[in-house]
Amino acid sequence: MHALIVNDDIDRQAELTMELMRTGFQATTTGCLNVAETCIRRSMIDLLVLCERTNGRLTHSLALLAEYRNPLVATMLLTPRTDADVDELYLLLPSLHCLVAPDSPARLIAKLAVAAVSGAVRVDGPIILPPSMRVETPGIAPIFASARAPAPPVRYAEIDHVA
């Protein structure tokens, strides 16, 4: 398994790299977004460990690029955010496995990394749960905890299709 760590703190990079290598990952680290983008384009990344901001720039586009290159990639985002809008990060970044505090122990991050990549299976079609296992009301999208007001549900019978 190949992990890419994007963090502008060199000591933290080394700490995370050593811990991930102890668990069996091949780890590449960088603090530069351009180098990270090149790594993602040139090799197949299985795990992406990102600080939300590196050198003052958001790293969300790296997660989207990694997912485009490998649909089974798992992304772990190191962020201090705890606001109500963090749930929207899961909608923005489909490969996002978990949000972790940046000062979390490297051993914990390594355990979460193993959990993130274990059991990843590509499925050719959508997974359909039997009705007894479904938690949502049919026809209405789930509402996530957010500060924003939910949009009214779309009724497909009301949409006028143009032929």
Protein backbone atom coordinates (compact mmCIF):
# COMPACT_ATOMS: atom_id res chain seq x y z
CA MET A 1 0.00 0.00 0.00
CA HIS A 2 1.29 3.42 -0.94
CA ALA A 3 0.59 6.40 1.31
CA LEU A 4 1.19 10.05 0.52
CA ILE A 5 1.56 12.45 3.45
CA VAL A 6 1.16 16.16 2.68
CA ASN A 7 2.22 18.28 5.64
CA ASP A 8 4.40 21.39 5.85
CA ASP A 9 5.76 20.48 9.31
CA ILE A 10 8.90 18.39 8.69
CA ASP A 11 9.02 16.85 12.17
CA ARG A 12 5.38 15.77 11.87
CA GLN A 13 6.10 14.36 8.39
CA ALA A 14 8.89 12.18 9.76
CA GLU A 15 6.79 11.01 12.70
CA LEU A 16 3.85 10.02 10.50
CA THR A 17 6.10 8.39 7.92
CA MET A 18 7.85 6.19 10.47
CA GLU A 19 4.58 5.09 12.05
CA LEU A 20 2.94 4.30 8.70
CA MET A 21 6.02 2.37 7.58
CA ARG A 22 5.84 0.30 10.79
CA THR A 23 2.32 -0.74 9.82
CA GLY A 24 3.39 -1.81 6.32
CA PHE A 25 2.81 1.24 4.14
CA GLN A 26 5.25 2.58 1.61
CA ALA A 27 5.16 6.29 2.49
CA THR A 28 6.03 9.38 0.49
CA THR A 29 6.00 12.78 2.17
CA THR A 30 6.04 16.33 0.94
CA GLY A 31 5.18 19.83 2.08
CA CYS A 32 4.72 21.24 -1.44
CA LEU A 33 1.40 20.98 -3.25
CA ASN A 34 3.04 20.81 -6.69
CA VAL A 35 5.19 17.84 -5.65
CA ALA A 36 2.13 16.14 -4.12
CA GLU A 37 0.19 16.63 -7.35
CA THR A 38 3.05 15.11 -9.35
CA CYS A 39 3.20 12.12 -6.99
CA ILE A 40 -0.53 11.53 -7.41
CA ARG A 41 -0.29 11.79 -11.20
CA ARG A 42 2.75 9.49 -11.47
CA SER A 43 1.88 6.69 -9.06
CA MET A 44 -1.16 4.96 -7.63
CA ILE A 45 -1.88 6.29 -4.13
CA ASP A 46 -3.92 4.09 -1.78
CA LEU A 47 -3.94 6.42 1.24
CA LEU A 48 -3.74 10.19 1.35
CA VAL A 49 -2.98 11.90 4.66
CA LEU A 50 -3.50 15.65 4.21
CA CYS A 51 -3.36 18.72 6.36
CA GLU A 52 -6.35 20.82 5.36
CA ARG A 53 -4.00 23.70 4.61
CA THR A 54 -0.38 23.42 3.51
CA ASN A 55 1.63 26.61 3.20
CA GLY A 56 -1.64 28.54 3.50
CA ARG A 57 -3.37 26.76 0.59
CA LEU A 58 -6.28 24.29 0.79
CA THR A 59 -5.46 20.72 -0.17
CA HIS A 60 -8.95 19.58 -1.17
CA SER A 61 -8.06 19.50 -4.87
CA LEU A 62 -5.35 16.91 -4.14
CA ALA A 63 -7.95 14.59 -2.63
CA LEU A 64 -10.18 15.00 -5.69
CA LEU A 65 -7.25 14.31 -8.03
CA ALA A 66 -6.24 11.21 -6.06
CA GLU A 67 -9.81 9.93 -6.23
CA TYR A 68 -9.93 10.54 -9.97
CA ARG A 69 -6.72 8.51 -10.41
CA ASN A 70 -7.76 5.76 -7.96
CA PRO A 71 -11.47 5.50 -7.05
CA LEU A 72 -10.59 3.34 -4.02
CA VAL A 73 -8.23 5.86 -2.41
CA ALA A 74 -8.87 6.66 1.26
CA THR A 75 -8.29 10.23 2.42
CA MET A 76 -7.59 11.28 5.99
CA LEU A 77 -7.80 15.01 6.62
CA LEU A 78 -5.84 16.53 9.49
CA THR A 79 -7.85 19.56 10.56
CA PRO A 80 -8.66 21.40 13.79
CA ARG A 81 -12.17 22.22 12.54
CA THR A 82 -15.11 21.27 14.73
CA ASP A 83 -17.83 23.53 13.31
CA ALA A 84 -21.17 22.26 12.09
CA ASP A 85 -20.12 22.44 8.44
CA VAL A 86 -17.49 19.69 8.67
CA ASP A 87 -20.12 17.21 7.49
CA GLU A 88 -20.12 19.00 4.16
CA LEU A 89 -16.48 17.98 3.70
CA TYR A 90 -17.73 14.42 3.29
CA LEU A 91 -19.97 15.60 0.44
CA LEU A 92 -17.16 17.64 -1.11
CA LEU A 93 -14.56 14.85 -0.87
CA PRO A 94 -16.15 11.44 -1.53
CA SER A 95 -12.90 9.62 -0.69
CA LEU A 96 -12.75 11.21 2.78
CA HIS A 97 -12.52 8.48 5.39
CA CYS A 98 -12.09 10.56 8.54
CA LEU A 99 -11.18 13.92 10.03
CA VAL A 100 -8.38 13.82 12.59
CA ALA A 101 -7.02 16.54 14.86
CA PRO A 102 -3.57 17.60 13.61
CA ASP A 103 -1.96 16.99 17.01
CA SER A 104 -3.26 13.41 17.31
CA PRO A 105 -0.65 10.76 18.11
CA ALA A 106 0.98 9.23 15.04
CA ARG A 107 0.16 5.74 16.32
CA LEU A 108 -3.58 6.59 16.30
CA ILE A 109 -3.33 7.98 12.77
CA ALA A 110 -1.57 4.79 11.65
CA LYS A 111 -4.35 2.65 13.15
CA LEU A 112 -6.97 4.76 11.39
CA ALA A 113 -4.96 4.44 8.15
CA VAL A 114 -5.04 0.66 8.32
CA ALA A 115 -8.79 0.77 8.97
CA ALA A 116 -9.28 3.16 6.05
CA VAL A 117 -7.66 0.93 3.45
CA SER A 118 -8.72 -2.49 4.70
CA GLY A 119 -11.72 -4.00 2.99
CA ALA A 120 -11.80 -1.57 0.05
CA VAL A 121 -13.63 -3.35 -2.76
CA ARG A 122 -14.65 -1.97 -6.10
CA VAL A 123 -18.27 -2.66 -7.00
CA ASP A 124 -19.54 -2.44 -10.58
CA GLY A 125 -22.97 -1.12 -9.63
CA PRO A 126 -24.63 0.66 -6.76
CA ILE A 127 -25.05 -1.22 -3.53
CA ILE A 128 -28.77 -1.75 -2.90
CA LEU A 129 -29.83 -2.47 0.65
CA PRO A 130 -32.94 -4.49 1.40
CA PRO A 131 -35.83 -2.35 2.69
CA SER A 132 -35.39 -3.62 6.25
CA MET A 133 -31.85 -2.16 6.40
CA ARG A 134 -32.64 1.28 4.95
CA VAL A 135 -32.71 4.25 7.30
CA GLU A 136 -33.98 7.00 5.03
CA THR A 137 -37.47 7.78 3.84
CA PRO A 138 -37.83 6.69 0.20
CA GLY A 139 -37.48 9.55 -2.25
CA ILE A 140 -35.99 12.04 0.22
CA ALA A 141 -32.25 12.66 0.47
CA PRO A 142 -30.73 12.38 3.96
CA ILE A 143 -30.18 15.65 5.83
CA PHE A 144 -26.74 16.14 7.32
CA ALA A 145 -26.04 18.13 10.48
CA SER A 146 -25.32 21.58 9.13
CA ALA A 147 -25.95 25.20 9.95
CA ARG A 148 -27.66 25.60 6.59
CA ALA A 149 -31.38 25.11 6.14
CA PRO A 150 -32.23 21.95 4.18
CA ALA A 151 -33.59 22.34 0.69
CA PRO A 152 -37.12 21.07 0.06
CA PRO A 153 -37.19 17.56 -1.44
CA VAL A 154 -37.34 17.33 -5.22
CA ARG A 155 -40.41 15.57 -6.59
CA TYR A 156 -39.42 13.98 -9.85
CA ALA A 157 -42.99 13.99 -11.13
CA GLU A 158 -42.92 17.80 -11.06
CA ILE A 159 -39.84 18.10 -13.29
CA ASP A 160 -40.68 18.85 -16.90
CA HIS A 161 -38.46 16.71 -19.14
CA VAL A 162 -37.50 18.10 -22.53
CA ALA A 163 -37.39 15.50 -25.27
